[in-house]
């Protein structure tokens, strides 16, 4: 059985991941991250980077992290539609992975570095 998702990216897909049992994330060279509902075959939402997106990682609680050619690591909250810049590399960011327990993110870049980012909310 094959299902082709409606409203696909307009350029190459660089990464896909399940965000939940019902949703899929797709990073694309068209500068967007897409959130699809697999049950209804519908595009729920999308957000943009300034250049091609190379990777995306689900974080739970309706959030994901993405990174790409713009050298930026972005945290996006789907329910509110807001994004925030976590940090930057000196070259394109090829991969992003969430640490267990939501403690942080690990990125790997074409600048030949691995970086660990603390994304926990500030206490105060």
PDB file of N, CA and C in Angstrom:
ATOM      1  N   UNK A   1       0.854  -1.178   0.000  1.00  0.00           N
ATOM      2  CA  UNK A   1       0.000   0.000   0.000  1.00  0.00           C
ATOM      3  C   UNK A   1       0.892   1.231   0.000  1.00  0.00           C
ATOM      4  N   UNK A   2       0.598   2.163  -0.847  1.00  0.00           N
ATOM      5  CA  UNK A   2       1.348   3.413  -0.939  1.00  0.00           C
ATOM      6  C   UNK A   2       0.383   4.581  -0.880  1.00  0.00           C
ATOM      7  N   UNK A   3       0.740   5.582  -0.075  1.00  0.00           N
ATOM      8  CA  UNK A   3      -0.039   6.805   0.000  1.00  0.00           C
ATOM      9  C   UNK A   3       0.884   7.969  -0.304  1.00  0.00           C
ATOM     10  N   UNK A   4       0.479   8.815  -1.209  1.00  0.00           N
ATOM     11  CA  UNK A   4       1.237  10.017  -1.516  1.00  0.00           C
ATOM     12  C   UNK A   4       0.576  11.167  -0.774  1.00  0.00           C
ATOM     13  N   UNK A   5       1.355  11.844   0.058  1.00  0.00           N
ATOM     14  CA  UNK A   5       0.795  12.937   0.846  1.00  0.00           C
ATOM     15  C   UNK A   5       0.402  14.121  -0.033  1.00  0.00           C
ATOM     16  N   UNK A   6      -0.698  14.726   0.308  1.00  0.00           N
ATOM     17  CA  UNK A   6      -1.159  15.921  -0.402  1.00  0.00           C
ATOM     18  C   UNK A   6      -0.260  17.101  -0.059  1.00  0.00           C
ATOM     19  N   UNK A   7      -0.194  18.078  -0.946  1.00  0.00           N
ATOM     20  CA  UNK A   7       0.588  19.297  -0.733  1.00  0.00           C
ATOM     21  C   UNK A   7       2.043  19.013  -0.400  1.00  0.00           C
ATOM     22  N   UNK A   8       2.745  18.282  -1.267  1.00  0.00           N
ATOM     23  CA  UNK A   8       4.144  17.957  -0.976  1.00  0.00           C
ATOM     24  C   UNK A   8       5.041  19.188  -1.115  1.00  0.00           C
ATOM     25  N   UNK A   9       6.264  19.104  -0.583  1.00  0.00           N
ATOM     26  CA  UNK A   9       7.217  20.203  -0.784  1.00  0.00           C
ATOM     27  C   UNK A   9       7.451  20.439  -2.276  1.00  0.00           C
ATOM     28  N   UNK A  10       7.851  21.656  -2.620  1.00  0.00           N
ATOM     29  CA  UNK A  10       8.063  21.997  -4.025  1.00  0.00           C
ATOM     30  C   UNK A  10       9.503  21.741  -4.479  1.00  0.00           C
ATOM     31  N   UNK A  11      10.347  21.240  -3.579  1.00  0.00           N
ATOM     32  CA  UNK A  11      11.723  20.873  -3.917  1.00  0.00           C
ATOM     33  C   UNK A  11      12.051  19.581  -3.175  1.00  0.00           C
ATOM     34  N   UNK A  12      13.268  19.130  -3.278  1.00  0.00           N
ATOM     35  CA  UNK A  12      13.663  17.858  -2.692  1.00  0.00           C
ATOM     36  C   UNK A  12      13.446  17.783  -1.194  1.00  0.00           C
ATOM     37  N   UNK A  13      13.098  16.577  -0.727  1.00  0.00           N
ATOM     38  CA  UNK A  13      12.933  16.314   0.698  1.00  0.00           C
ATOM     39  C   UNK A  13      14.264  15.810   1.237  1.00  0.00           C
ATOM     40  N   UNK A  14      14.779  16.450   2.285  1.00  0.00           N
ATOM     41  CA  UNK A  14      16.073  16.074   2.840  1.00  0.00           C
ATOM     42  C   UNK A  14      15.963  15.174   4.064  1.00  0.00           C
ATOM     43  N   UNK A  15      14.797  15.186   4.745  1.00  0.00           N
ATOM     44  CA  UNK A  15      14.633  14.357   5.931  1.00  0.00           C
ATOM     45  C   UNK A  15      13.158  14.197   6.249  1.00  0.00           C
ATOM     46  N   UNK A  16      12.766  12.998   6.673  1.00  0.00           N
ATOM     47  CA  UNK A  16      11.413  12.756   7.185  1.00  0.00           C
ATOM     48  C   UNK A  16      11.532  12.033   8.523  1.00  0.00           C
ATOM     49  N   UNK A  17      10.621  12.360   9.424  1.00  0.00           N
ATOM     50  CA  UNK A  17      10.578  11.706  10.736  1.00  0.00           C
ATOM     51  C   UNK A  17       9.144  11.701  11.237  1.00  0.00           C
ATOM     52  N   UNK A  18       8.789  10.646  11.963  1.00  0.00           N
ATOM     53  CA  UNK A  18       7.502  10.632  12.642  1.00  0.00           C
ATOM     54  C   UNK A  18       7.599  11.520  13.871  1.00  0.00           C
ATOM     55  N   UNK A  19       6.653  12.464  13.998  1.00  0.00           N
ATOM     56  CA  UNK A  19       6.563  13.290  15.197  1.00  0.00           C
ATOM     57  C   UNK A  19       5.680  12.604  16.231  1.00  0.00           C
ATOM     58  N   UNK A  20       4.748  11.801  15.743  1.00  0.00           N
ATOM     59  CA  UNK A  20       3.856  10.993  16.583  1.00  0.00           C
ATOM     60  C   UNK A  20       3.320   9.870  15.706  1.00  0.00           C
ATOM     61  N   UNK A  21       2.430   9.071  16.249  1.00  0.00           N
ATOM     62  CA  UNK A  21       1.841   7.988  15.459  1.00  0.00           C
ATOM     63  C   UNK A  21       0.970   8.530  14.325  1.00  0.00           C
ATOM     64  N   UNK A  22       0.512   9.789  14.453  1.00  0.00           N
ATOM     65  CA  UNK A  22      -0.386  10.380  13.461  1.00  0.00           C
ATOM     66  C   UNK A  22       0.228  11.500  12.634  1.00  0.00           C
ATOM     67  N   UNK A  23       1.451  11.909  12.949  1.00  0.00           N
ATOM     68  CA  UNK A  23       2.030  13.048  12.245  1.00  0.00           C
ATOM     69  C   UNK A  23       3.450  12.767  11.768  1.00  0.00           C
ATOM     70  N   UNK A  24       3.778  13.382  10.640  1.00  0.00           N
ATOM     71  CA  UNK A  24       5.098  13.241  10.025  1.00  0.00           C
ATOM     72  C   UNK A  24       5.678  14.626   9.780  1.00  0.00           C
ATOM     73  N   UNK A  25       6.974  14.770  10.061  1.00  0.00           N
ATOM     74  CA  UNK A  25       7.717  15.992   9.756  1.00  0.00           C
ATOM     75  C   UNK A  25       8.538  15.766   8.505  1.00  0.00           C
ATOM     76  N   UNK A  26       8.630  16.773   7.654  1.00  0.00           N
ATOM     77  CA  UNK A  26       9.465  16.690   6.455  1.00  0.00           C
ATOM     78  C   UNK A  26      10.269  17.978   6.321  1.00  0.00           C
ATOM     79  N   UNK A  27      11.586  17.835   6.165  1.00  0.00           N
ATOM     80  CA  UNK A  27      12.467  18.979   5.910  1.00  0.00           C
ATOM     81  C   UNK A  27      12.741  19.015   4.415  1.00  0.00           C
ATOM     82  N   UNK A  28      12.777  20.219   3.849  1.00  0.00           N
ATOM     83  CA  UNK A  28      12.901  20.321   2.399  1.00  0.00           C
ATOM     84  C   UNK A  28      13.902  21.381   1.959  1.00  0.00           C
ATOM     85  N   UNK A  29      14.428  21.156   0.753  1.00  0.00           N
ATOM     86  CA  UNK A  29      15.296  22.131   0.106  1.00  0.00           C
ATOM     87  C   UNK A  29      14.533  23.384  -0.291  1.00  0.00           C
ATOM     88  N   UNK A  30      13.199  23.367  -0.210  1.00  0.00           N
ATOM     89  CA  UNK A  30      12.421  24.566  -0.546  1.00  0.00           C
ATOM     90  C   UNK A  30      12.355  25.573   0.614  1.00  0.00           C
ATOM     91  N   UNK A  31      13.155  25.365   1.655  1.00  0.00           N
ATOM     92  CA  UNK A  31      13.318  26.210   2.854  1.00  0.00           C
ATOM     93  C   UNK A  31      12.258  25.987   3.924  1.00  0.00           C
ATOM     94  N   UNK A  32      11.399  24.994   3.781  1.00  0.00           N
ATOM     95  CA  UNK A  32      10.320  24.782   4.745  1.00  0.00           C
ATOM     96  C   UNK A  32      10.437  23.462   5.502  1.00  0.00           C
ATOM     97  N   UNK A  33       9.815  23.456   6.685  1.00  0.00           N
ATOM     98  CA  UNK A  33       9.553  22.238   7.449  1.00  0.00           C
ATOM     99  C   UNK A  33       8.048  22.058   7.425  1.00  0.00           C
ATOM    100  N   UNK A  34       7.616  20.849   7.088  1.00  0.00           N
ATOM    101  CA  UNK A  34       6.195  20.534   6.936  1.00  0.00           C
ATOM    102  C   UNK A  34       5.741  19.580   8.035  1.00  0.00           C
ATOM    103  N   UNK A  35       4.501  19.752   8.490  1.00  0.00           N
ATOM    104  CA  UNK A  35       3.866  18.839   9.431  1.00  0.00           C
ATOM    105  C   UNK A  35       2.629  18.266   8.756  1.00  0.00           C
ATOM    106  N   UNK A  36       2.637  16.944   8.545  1.00  0.00           N
ATOM    107  CA  UNK A  36       1.530  16.264   7.878  1.00  0.00           C
ATOM    108  C   UNK A  36       0.766  15.381   8.850  1.00  0.00           C
ATOM    109  N   UNK A  37      -0.544  15.299   8.650  1.00  0.00           N
ATOM    110  CA  UNK A  37      -1.403  14.370   9.365  1.00  0.00           C
ATOM    111  C   UNK A  37      -1.538  13.131   8.489  1.00  0.00           C
ATOM    112  N   UNK A  38      -1.018  12.007   8.951  1.00  0.00           N
ATOM    113  CA  UNK A  38      -1.034  10.791   8.128  1.00  0.00           C
ATOM    114  C   UNK A  38      -2.414  10.153   8.060  1.00  0.00           C
ATOM    115  N   UNK A  39      -3.256  10.402   9.045  1.00  0.00           N
ATOM    116  CA  UNK A  39      -4.602   9.831   9.033  1.00  0.00           C
ATOM    117  C   UNK A  39      -5.509  10.469   8.005  1.00  0.00           C
ATOM    118  N   UNK A  40      -5.384  11.779   7.833  1.00  0.00           N
ATOM    119  CA  UNK A  40      -6.250  12.506   6.904  1.00  0.00           C
ATOM    120  C   UNK A  40      -5.536  12.881   5.609  1.00  0.00           C
ATOM    121  N   UNK A  41      -4.243  12.570   5.521  1.00  0.00           N
ATOM    122  CA  UNK A  41      -3.435  12.913   4.348  1.00  0.00           C
ATOM    123  C   UNK A  41      -3.470  14.424   4.090  1.00  0.00           C
ATOM    124  N   UNK A  42      -3.348  15.198   5.173  1.00  0.00           N
ATOM    125  CA  UNK A  42      -3.437  16.651   5.043  1.00  0.00           C
ATOM    126  C   UNK A  42      -2.186  17.329   5.598  1.00  0.00           C
ATOM    127  N   UNK A  43      -1.853  18.445   4.998  1.00  0.00           N
ATOM    128  CA  UNK A  43      -0.800  19.307   5.515  1.00  0.00           C
ATOM    129  C   UNK A  43      -1.390  20.116   6.654  1.00  0.00           C
ATOM    130  N   UNK A  44      -0.863  19.941   7.862  1.00  0.00           N
ATOM    131  CA  UNK A  44      -1.364  20.694   9.017  1.00  0.00           C
ATOM    132  C   UNK A  44      -0.770  22.092   9.077  1.00  0.00           C
ATOM    133  N   UNK A  45       0.546  22.167   8.814  1.00  0.00           N
ATOM    134  CA  UNK A  45       1.213  23.458   8.931  1.00  0.00           C
ATOM    135  C   UNK A  45       2.610  23.362   8.336  1.00  0.00           C
ATOM    136  N   UNK A  46       3.263  24.522   8.221  1.00  0.00           N
ATOM    137  CA  UNK A  46       4.650  24.565   7.792  1.00  0.00           C
ATOM    138  C   UNK A  46       5.268  25.866   8.286  1.00  0.00           C
ATOM    139  N   UNK A  47       6.577  25.894   8.360  1.00  0.00           N
ATOM    140  CA  UNK A  47       7.291  27.127   8.679  1.00  0.00           C
ATOM    141  C   UNK A  47       8.564  27.172   7.861  1.00  0.00           C
ATOM    142  N   UNK A  48       9.160  28.358   7.777  1.00  0.00           N
ATOM    143  CA  UNK A  48      10.280  28.556   6.859  1.00  0.00           C
ATOM    144  C   UNK A  48      11.582  28.911   7.568  1.00  0.00           C
ATOM    145  N   UNK A  49      12.661  28.494   6.936  1.00  0.00           N
ATOM    146  CA  UNK A  49      14.021  28.942   7.245  1.00  0.00           C
ATOM    147  C   UNK A  49      14.408  29.939   6.151  1.00  0.00           C
ATOM    148  N   UNK A  50      15.615  30.479   6.245  1.00  0.00           N
ATOM    149  CA  UNK A  50      16.093  31.418   5.227  1.00  0.00           C
ATOM    150  C   UNK A  50      16.781  30.711   4.061  1.00  0.00           C
ATOM    151  N   UNK A  51      17.020  29.394   4.191  1.00  0.00           N
ATOM    152  CA  UNK A  51      17.652  28.593   3.141  1.00  0.00           C
ATOM    153  C   UNK A  51      17.193  27.151   3.311  1.00  0.00           C
ATOM    154  N   UNK A  52      17.696  26.254   2.486  1.00  0.00           N
ATOM    155  CA  UNK A  52      17.286  24.846   2.514  1.00  0.00           C
ATOM    156  C   UNK A  52      17.405  24.249   3.918  1.00  0.00           C
ATOM    157  N   UNK A  53      16.413  23.438   4.282  1.00  0.00           N
ATOM    158  CA  UNK A  53      16.403  22.755   5.578  1.00  0.00           C
ATOM    159  C   UNK A  53      16.929  21.341   5.355  1.00  0.00           C
ATOM    160  N   UNK A  54      17.952  20.961   6.125  1.00  0.00           N
ATOM    161  CA  UNK A  54      18.588  19.664   5.934  1.00  0.00           C
ATOM    162  C   UNK A  54      18.136  18.605   6.924  1.00  0.00           C
ATOM    163  N   UNK A  55      17.644  19.012   8.101  1.00  0.00           N
ATOM    164  CA  UNK A  55      17.223  18.021   9.093  1.00  0.00           C
ATOM    165  C   UNK A  55      16.170  18.615  10.014  1.00  0.00           C
ATOM    166  N   UNK A  56      15.380  17.728  10.600  1.00  0.00           N
ATOM    167  CA  UNK A  56      14.349  18.108  11.558  1.00  0.00           C
ATOM    168  C   UNK A  56      14.255  16.997  12.593  1.00  0.00           C
ATOM    169  N   UNK A  57      14.013  17.383  13.854  1.00  0.00           N
ATOM    170  CA  UNK A  57      13.898  16.408  14.943  1.00  0.00           C
ATOM    171  C   UNK A  57      12.680  16.730  15.799  1.00  0.00           C
ATOM    172  N   UNK A  58      11.796  15.759  16.029  1.00  0.00           N
ATOM    173  CA  UNK A  58      10.656  15.989  16.912  1.00  0.00           C
ATOM    174  C   UNK A  58      11.120  16.043  18.359  1.00  0.00           C
ATOM    175  N   UNK A  59      10.488  16.922  19.139  1.00  0.00           N
ATOM    176  CA  UNK A  59      10.864  17.062  20.543  1.00  0.00           C
ATOM    177  C   UNK A  59       9.743  16.689  21.497  1.00  0.00           C
ATOM    178  N   UNK A  60       8.560  16.391  20.979  1.00  0.00           N
ATOM    179  CA  UNK A  60       7.419  16.130  21.846  1.00  0.00           C
ATOM    180  C   UNK A  60       6.770  17.453  22.236  1.00  0.00           C
ATOM    181  N   UNK A  61       5.627  17.378  22.889  1.00  0.00           N
ATOM    182  CA  UNK A  61       4.890  18.560  23.343  1.00  0.00           C
ATOM    183  C   UNK A  61       4.636  19.553  22.207  1.00  0.00           C
ATOM    184  N   UNK A  62       4.514  19.060  20.977  1.00  0.00           N
ATOM    185  CA  UNK A  62       4.203  19.929  19.856  1.00  0.00           C
ATOM    186  C   UNK A  62       5.352  20.768  19.351  1.00  0.00           C
ATOM    187  N   UNK A  63       6.575  20.383  19.672  1.00  0.00           N
ATOM    188  CA  UNK A  63       7.745  21.135  19.234  1.00  0.00           C
ATOM    189  C   UNK A  63       8.640  20.300  18.338  1.00  0.00           C
ATOM    190  N   UNK A  64       9.447  20.988  17.545  1.00  0.00           N
ATOM    191  CA  UNK A  64      10.489  20.327  16.764  1.00  0.00           C
ATOM    192  C   UNK A  64      11.670  21.274  16.626  1.00  0.00           C
ATOM    193  N   UNK A  65      12.805  20.714  16.286  1.00  0.00           N
ATOM    194  CA  UNK A  65      14.007  21.498  16.014  1.00  0.00           C
ATOM    195  C   UNK A  65      14.398  21.238  14.575  1.00  0.00           C
ATOM    196  N   UNK A  66      14.910  22.278  13.910  1.00  0.00           N
ATOM    197  CA  UNK A  66      15.322  22.122  12.517  1.00  0.00           C
ATOM    198  C   UNK A  66      16.582  22.930  12.269  1.00  0.00           C
ATOM    199  N   UNK A  67      17.291  22.523  11.223  1.00  0.00           N
ATOM    200  CA  UNK A  67      18.549  23.187  10.895  1.00  0.00           C
ATOM    201  C   UNK A  67      18.846  22.968   9.424  1.00  0.00           C
ATOM    202  N   UNK A  68      19.726  23.839   8.883  1.00  0.00           N
ATOM    203  CA  UNK A  68      20.022  23.683   7.471  1.00  0.00           C
ATOM    204  C   UNK A  68      21.129  24.572   6.964  1.00  0.00           C
ATOM    205  N   UNK A  69      21.007  24.901   5.681  1.00  0.00           N
ATOM    206  CA  UNK A  69      22.029  25.639   4.957  1.00  0.00           C
ATOM    207  C   UNK A  69      22.191  27.062   5.501  1.00  0.00           C
ATOM    208  N   UNK A  70      21.168  27.610   6.146  1.00  0.00           N
ATOM    209  CA  UNK A  70      21.267  28.957   6.716  1.00  0.00           C
ATOM    210  C   UNK A  70      22.126  29.006   7.985  1.00  0.00           C
ATOM    211  N   UNK A  71      22.640  27.839   8.411  1.00  0.00           N
ATOM    212  CA  UNK A  71      23.524  27.680   9.572  1.00  0.00           C
ATOM    213  C   UNK A  71      22.793  27.803  10.900  1.00  0.00           C
ATOM    214  N   UNK A  72      21.469  27.945  10.870  1.00  0.00           N
ATOM    215  CA  UNK A  72      20.687  28.183  12.077  1.00  0.00           C
ATOM    216  C   UNK A  72      20.062  26.906  12.638  1.00  0.00           C
ATOM    217  N   UNK A  73      20.003  26.847  13.968  1.00  0.00           N
ATOM    218  CA  UNK A  73      19.244  25.832  14.680  1.00  0.00           C
ATOM    219  C   UNK A  73      18.005  26.530  15.221  1.00  0.00           C
ATOM    220  N   UNK A  74      16.838  26.074  14.794  1.00  0.00           N
ATOM    221  CA  UNK A  74      15.562  26.724  15.126  1.00  0.00           C
ATOM    222  C   UNK A  74      14.687  25.759  15.912  1.00  0.00           C
ATOM    223  N   UNK A  75      14.050  26.269  16.959  1.00  0.00           N
ATOM    224  CA  UNK A  75      13.070  25.525  17.736  1.00  0.00           C
ATOM    225  C   UNK A  75      11.699  26.069  17.362  1.00  0.00           C
ATOM    226  N   UNK A  76      10.778  25.181  16.955  1.00  0.00           N
ATOM    227  CA  UNK A  76       9.446  25.624  16.520  1.00  0.00           C
ATOM    228  C   UNK A  76       8.373  24.979  17.376  1.00  0.00           C
ATOM    229  N   UNK A  77       7.394  25.788  17.778  1.00  0.00           N
ATOM    230  CA  UNK A  77       6.238  25.334  18.542  1.00  0.00           C
ATOM    231  C   UNK A  77       5.040  25.313  17.608  1.00  0.00           C
ATOM    232  N   UNK A  78       4.565  24.121  17.245  1.00  0.00           N
ATOM    233  CA  UNK A  78       3.456  24.008  16.297  1.00  0.00           C
ATOM    234  C   UNK A  78       2.156  24.611  16.810  1.00  0.00           C
ATOM    235  N   UNK A  79       1.754  24.357  18.090  1.00  0.00           N
ATOM    236  CA  UNK A  79       0.472  24.917  18.545  1.00  0.00           C
ATOM    237  C   UNK A  79       0.405  26.444  18.478  1.00  0.00           C
ATOM    238  N   UNK A  80       1.502  27.136  18.772  1.00  0.00           N
ATOM    239  CA  UNK A  80       1.480  28.600  18.756  1.00  0.00           C
ATOM    240  C   UNK A  80       1.969  29.185  17.434  1.00  0.00           C
ATOM    241  N   UNK A  81       2.656  28.366  16.628  1.00  0.00           N
ATOM    242  CA  UNK A  81       3.196  28.847  15.365  1.00  0.00           C
ATOM    243  C   UNK A  81       4.424  29.730  15.517  1.00  0.00           C
ATOM    244  N   UNK A  82       5.071  29.664  16.674  1.00  0.00           N
ATOM    245  CA  UNK A  82       6.238  30.514  16.917  1.00  0.00           C
ATOM    246  C   UNK A  82       7.543  29.722  16.777  1.00  0.00           C
ATOM    247  N   UNK A  83       8.557  30.432  16.321  1.00  0.00           N
ATOM    248  CA  UNK A  83       9.893  29.855  16.189  1.00  0.00           C
ATOM    249  C   UNK A  83      10.882  30.731  16.926  1.00  0.00           C
ATOM    250  N   UNK A  84      11.948  30.107  17.425  1.00  0.00           N
ATOM    251  CA  UNK A  84      13.021  30.892  18.034  1.00  0.00           C
ATOM    252  C   UNK A  84      14.365  30.326  17.621  1.00  0.00           C
ATOM    253  N   UNK A  85      15.305  31.216  17.420  1.00  0.00           N
ATOM    254  CA  UNK A  85      16.658  30.830  17.067  1.00  0.00           C
ATOM    255  C   UNK A  85      17.371  30.348  18.320  1.00  0.00           C
ATOM    256  N   UNK A  86      17.867  29.119  18.283  1.00  0.00           N
ATOM    257  CA  UNK A  86      18.614  28.558  19.408  1.00  0.00           C
ATOM    258  C   UNK A  86      20.076  28.949  19.303  1.00  0.00           C
ATOM    259  N   UNK A  87      20.635  28.865  18.098  1.00  0.00           N
ATOM    260  CA  UNK A  87      22.031  29.208  17.894  1.00  0.00           C
ATOM    261  C   UNK A  87      22.440  28.986  16.453  1.00  0.00           C
ATOM    262  N   UNK A  88      23.720  29.236  16.192  1.00  0.00           N
ATOM    263  CA  UNK A  88      24.230  29.130  14.818  1.00  0.00           C
ATOM    264  C   UNK A  88      25.574  28.414  14.780  1.00  0.00           C
ATOM    265  N   UNK A  89      25.834  27.772  13.656  1.00  0.00           N
ATOM    266  CA  UNK A  89      27.136  27.191  13.340  1.00  0.00           C
ATOM    267  C   UNK A  89      27.843  28.124  12.359  1.00  0.00           C
ATOM    268  N   UNK A  90      29.096  27.826  12.069  1.00  0.00           N
ATOM    269  CA  UNK A  90      29.858  28.600  11.089  1.00  0.00           C
ATOM    270  C   UNK A  90      29.662  28.089   9.665  1.00  0.00           C
ATOM    271  N   UNK A  91      29.007  26.939   9.524  1.00  0.00           N
ATOM    272  CA  UNK A  91      28.688  26.365   8.221  1.00  0.00           C
ATOM    273  C   UNK A  91      27.301  25.753   8.274  1.00  0.00           C
ATOM    274  N   UNK A  92      26.803  25.259   7.137  1.00  0.00           N
ATOM    275  CA  UNK A  92      25.492  24.607   7.130  1.00  0.00           C
ATOM    276  C   UNK A  92      25.404  23.487   8.170  1.00  0.00           C
ATOM    277  N   UNK A  93      24.231  23.343   8.777  1.00  0.00           N
ATOM    278  CA  UNK A  93      24.001  22.317   9.790  1.00  0.00           C
ATOM    279  C   UNK A  93      23.363  21.116   9.113  1.00  0.00           C
ATOM    280  N   UNK A  94      24.073  20.005   9.098  1.00  0.00           N
ATOM    281  CA  UNK A  94      23.620  18.807   8.394  1.00  0.00           C
ATOM    282  C   UNK A  94      22.653  17.954   9.200  1.00  0.00           C
ATOM    283  N   UNK A  95      22.839  17.902  10.540  1.00  0.00           N
ATOM    284  CA  UNK A  95      21.974  17.015  11.325  1.00  0.00           C
ATOM    285  C   UNK A  95      21.690  17.592  12.707  1.00  0.00           C
ATOM    286  N   UNK A  96      20.499  17.250  13.198  1.00  0.00           N
ATOM    287  CA  UNK A  96      20.068  17.647  14.537  1.00  0.00           C
ATOM    288  C   UNK A  96      19.374  16.455  15.179  1.00  0.00           C
ATOM    289  N   UNK A  97      19.673  16.243  16.454  1.00  0.00           N
ATOM    290  CA  UNK A  97      19.097  15.119  17.193  1.00  0.00           C
ATOM    291  C   UNK A  97      18.718  15.593  18.583  1.00  0.00           C
ATOM    292  N   UNK A  98      17.548  15.181  19.060  1.00  0.00           N
ATOM    293  CA  UNK A  98      17.092  15.531  20.399  1.00  0.00           C
ATOM    294  C   UNK A  98      17.691  14.573  21.415  1.00  0.00           C
ATOM    295  N   UNK A  99      18.142  15.100  22.530  1.00  0.00           N
ATOM    296  CA  UNK A  99      18.625  14.276  23.625  1.00  0.00           C
ATOM    297  C   UNK A  99      17.443  13.714  24.394  1.00  0.00           C
ATOM    298  N   UNK A 100      17.578  12.526  24.954  1.00  0.00           N
ATOM    299  CA  UNK A 100      16.481  11.945  25.740  1.00  0.00           C
ATOM    300  C   UNK A 100      16.075  12.870  26.895  1.00  0.00           C
ATOM    301  N   UNK A 101      14.801  12.928  27.162  1.00  0.00           N
ATOM    302  CA  UNK A 101      14.295  13.728  28.267  1.00  0.00           C
ATOM    303  C   UNK A 101      14.169  15.206  27.983  1.00  0.00           C
ATOM    304  N   UNK A 102      14.363  15.618  26.725  1.00  0.00           N
ATOM    305  CA  UNK A 102      14.202  17.013  26.363  1.00  0.00           C
ATOM    306  C   UNK A 102      15.237  17.953  26.940  1.00  0.00           C
ATOM    307  N   UNK A 103      16.389  17.405  27.314  1.00  0.00           N
ATOM    308  CA  UNK A 103      17.427  18.229  27.951  1.00  0.00           C
ATOM    309  C   UNK A 103      18.193  19.091  26.968  1.00  0.00           C
ATOM    310  N   UNK A 104      18.209  18.691  25.720  1.00  0.00           N
ATOM    311  CA  UNK A 104      18.978  19.476  24.775  1.00  0.00           C
ATOM    312  C   UNK A 104      18.962  18.912  23.380  1.00  0.00           C
ATOM    313  N   UNK A 105      19.778  19.519  22.531  1.00  0.00           N
ATOM    314  CA  UNK A 105      19.907  19.118  21.134  1.00  0.00           C
ATOM    315  C   UNK A 105      21.379  18.952  20.788  1.00  0.00           C
ATOM    316  N   UNK A 106      21.644  18.040  19.894  1.00  0.00           N
ATOM    317  CA  UNK A 106      22.989  17.827  19.375  1.00  0.00           C
ATOM    318  C   UNK A 106      22.951  18.107  17.883  1.00  0.00           C
ATOM    319  N   UNK A 107      23.881  18.942  17.400  1.00  0.00           N
ATOM    320  CA  UNK A 107      23.942  19.252  15.979  1.00  0.00           C
ATOM    321  C   UNK A 107      25.316  18.910  15.420  1.00  0.00           C
ATOM    322  N   UNK A 108      25.319  18.577  14.137  1.00  0.00           N
ATOM    323  CA  UNK A 108      26.555  18.345  13.406  1.00  0.00           C
ATOM    324  C   UNK A 108      26.549  19.209  12.164  1.00  0.00           C
ATOM    325  N   UNK A 109      27.694  19.835  11.877  1.00  0.00           N
ATOM    326  CA  UNK A 109      27.746  20.829  10.813  1.00  0.00           C
ATOM    327  C   UNK A 109      28.852  20.545   9.817  1.00  0.00           C
ATOM    328  N   UNK A 110      28.700  21.147   8.641  1.00  0.00           N
ATOM    329  CA  UNK A 110      29.750  21.090   7.637  1.00  0.00           C
ATOM    330  C   UNK A 110      30.962  21.906   8.065  1.00  0.00           C
ATOM    331  N   UNK A 111      30.852  22.646   9.180  1.00  0.00           N
ATOM    332  CA  UNK A 111      32.023  23.358   9.712  1.00  0.00           C
ATOM    333  C   UNK A 111      32.912  22.422  10.548  1.00  0.00           C
ATOM    334  N   UNK A 112      32.583  21.116  10.527  1.00  0.00           N
ATOM    335  CA  UNK A 112      33.346  20.062  11.197  1.00  0.00           C
ATOM    336  C   UNK A 112      33.225  20.111  12.725  1.00  0.00           C
ATOM    337  N   UNK A 113      32.088  20.607  13.232  1.00  0.00           N
ATOM    338  CA  UNK A 113      31.877  20.638  14.672  1.00  0.00           C
ATOM    339  C   UNK A 113      30.596  19.911  15.050  1.00  0.00           C
ATOM    340  N   UNK A 114      30.599  19.396  16.273  1.00  0.00           N
ATOM    341  CA  UNK A 114      29.406  18.884  16.943  1.00  0.00           C
ATOM    342  C   UNK A 114      29.131  19.851  18.079  1.00  0.00           C
ATOM    343  N   UNK A 115      27.879  20.243  18.240  1.00  0.00           N
ATOM    344  CA  UNK A 115      27.548  21.181  19.313  1.00  0.00           C
ATOM    345  C   UNK A 115      26.345  20.672  20.090  1.00  0.00           C
ATOM    346  N   UNK A 116      26.429  20.844  21.400  1.00  0.00           N
ATOM    347  CA  UNK A 116      25.358  20.467  22.313  1.00  0.00           C
ATOM    348  C   UNK A 116      24.680  21.737  22.798  1.00  0.00           C
ATOM    349  N   UNK A 117      23.367  21.799  22.638  1.00  0.00           N
ATOM    350  CA  UNK A 117      22.594  22.997  22.971  1.00  0.00           C
ATOM    351  C   UNK A 117      21.614  22.694  24.099  1.00  0.00           C
ATOM    352  N   UNK A 118      21.576  23.547  25.110  1.00  0.00           N
ATOM    353  CA  UNK A 118      20.607  23.432  26.190  1.00  0.00           C
ATOM    354  C   UNK A 118      19.369  24.223  25.780  1.00  0.00           C
ATOM    355  N   UNK A 119      18.240  23.542  25.617  1.00  0.00           N
ATOM    356  CA  UNK A 119      17.013  24.213  25.181  1.00  0.00           C
ATOM    357  C   UNK A 119      15.935  24.231  26.264  1.00  0.00           C
ATOM    358  N   UNK A 120      16.317  23.873  27.476  1.00  0.00           N
ATOM    359  CA  UNK A 120      15.351  23.920  28.571  1.00  0.00           C
ATOM    360  C   UNK A 120      14.958  25.368  28.843  1.00  0.00           C
ATOM    361  N   UNK A 121      13.701  25.617  29.223  1.00  0.00           N
ATOM    362  CA  UNK A 121      13.287  26.983  29.549  1.00  0.00           C
ATOM    363  C   UNK A 121      14.100  27.520  30.717  1.00  0.00           C
ATOM    364  N   UNK A 122      14.416  28.792  30.669  1.00  0.00           N
ATOM    365  CA  UNK A 122      15.152  29.424  31.767  1.00  0.00           C
ATOM    366  C   UNK A 122      14.264  29.496  32.995  1.00  0.00           C
ATOM    367  N   UNK A 123      14.836  29.214  34.151  1.00  0.00           N
ATOM    368  CA  UNK A 123      14.082  29.303  35.402  1.00  0.00           C
ATOM    369  C   UNK A 123      14.254  30.683  35.992  1.00  0.00           C
ATOM    370  N   UNK A 124      13.238  31.188  36.589  1.00  0.00           N
ATOM    371  CA  UNK A 124      13.401  32.505  37.173  1.00  0.00           C
ATOM    372  C   UNK A 124      12.155  33.009  37.687  1.00  0.00           C
TER     373      UNK A 124
END
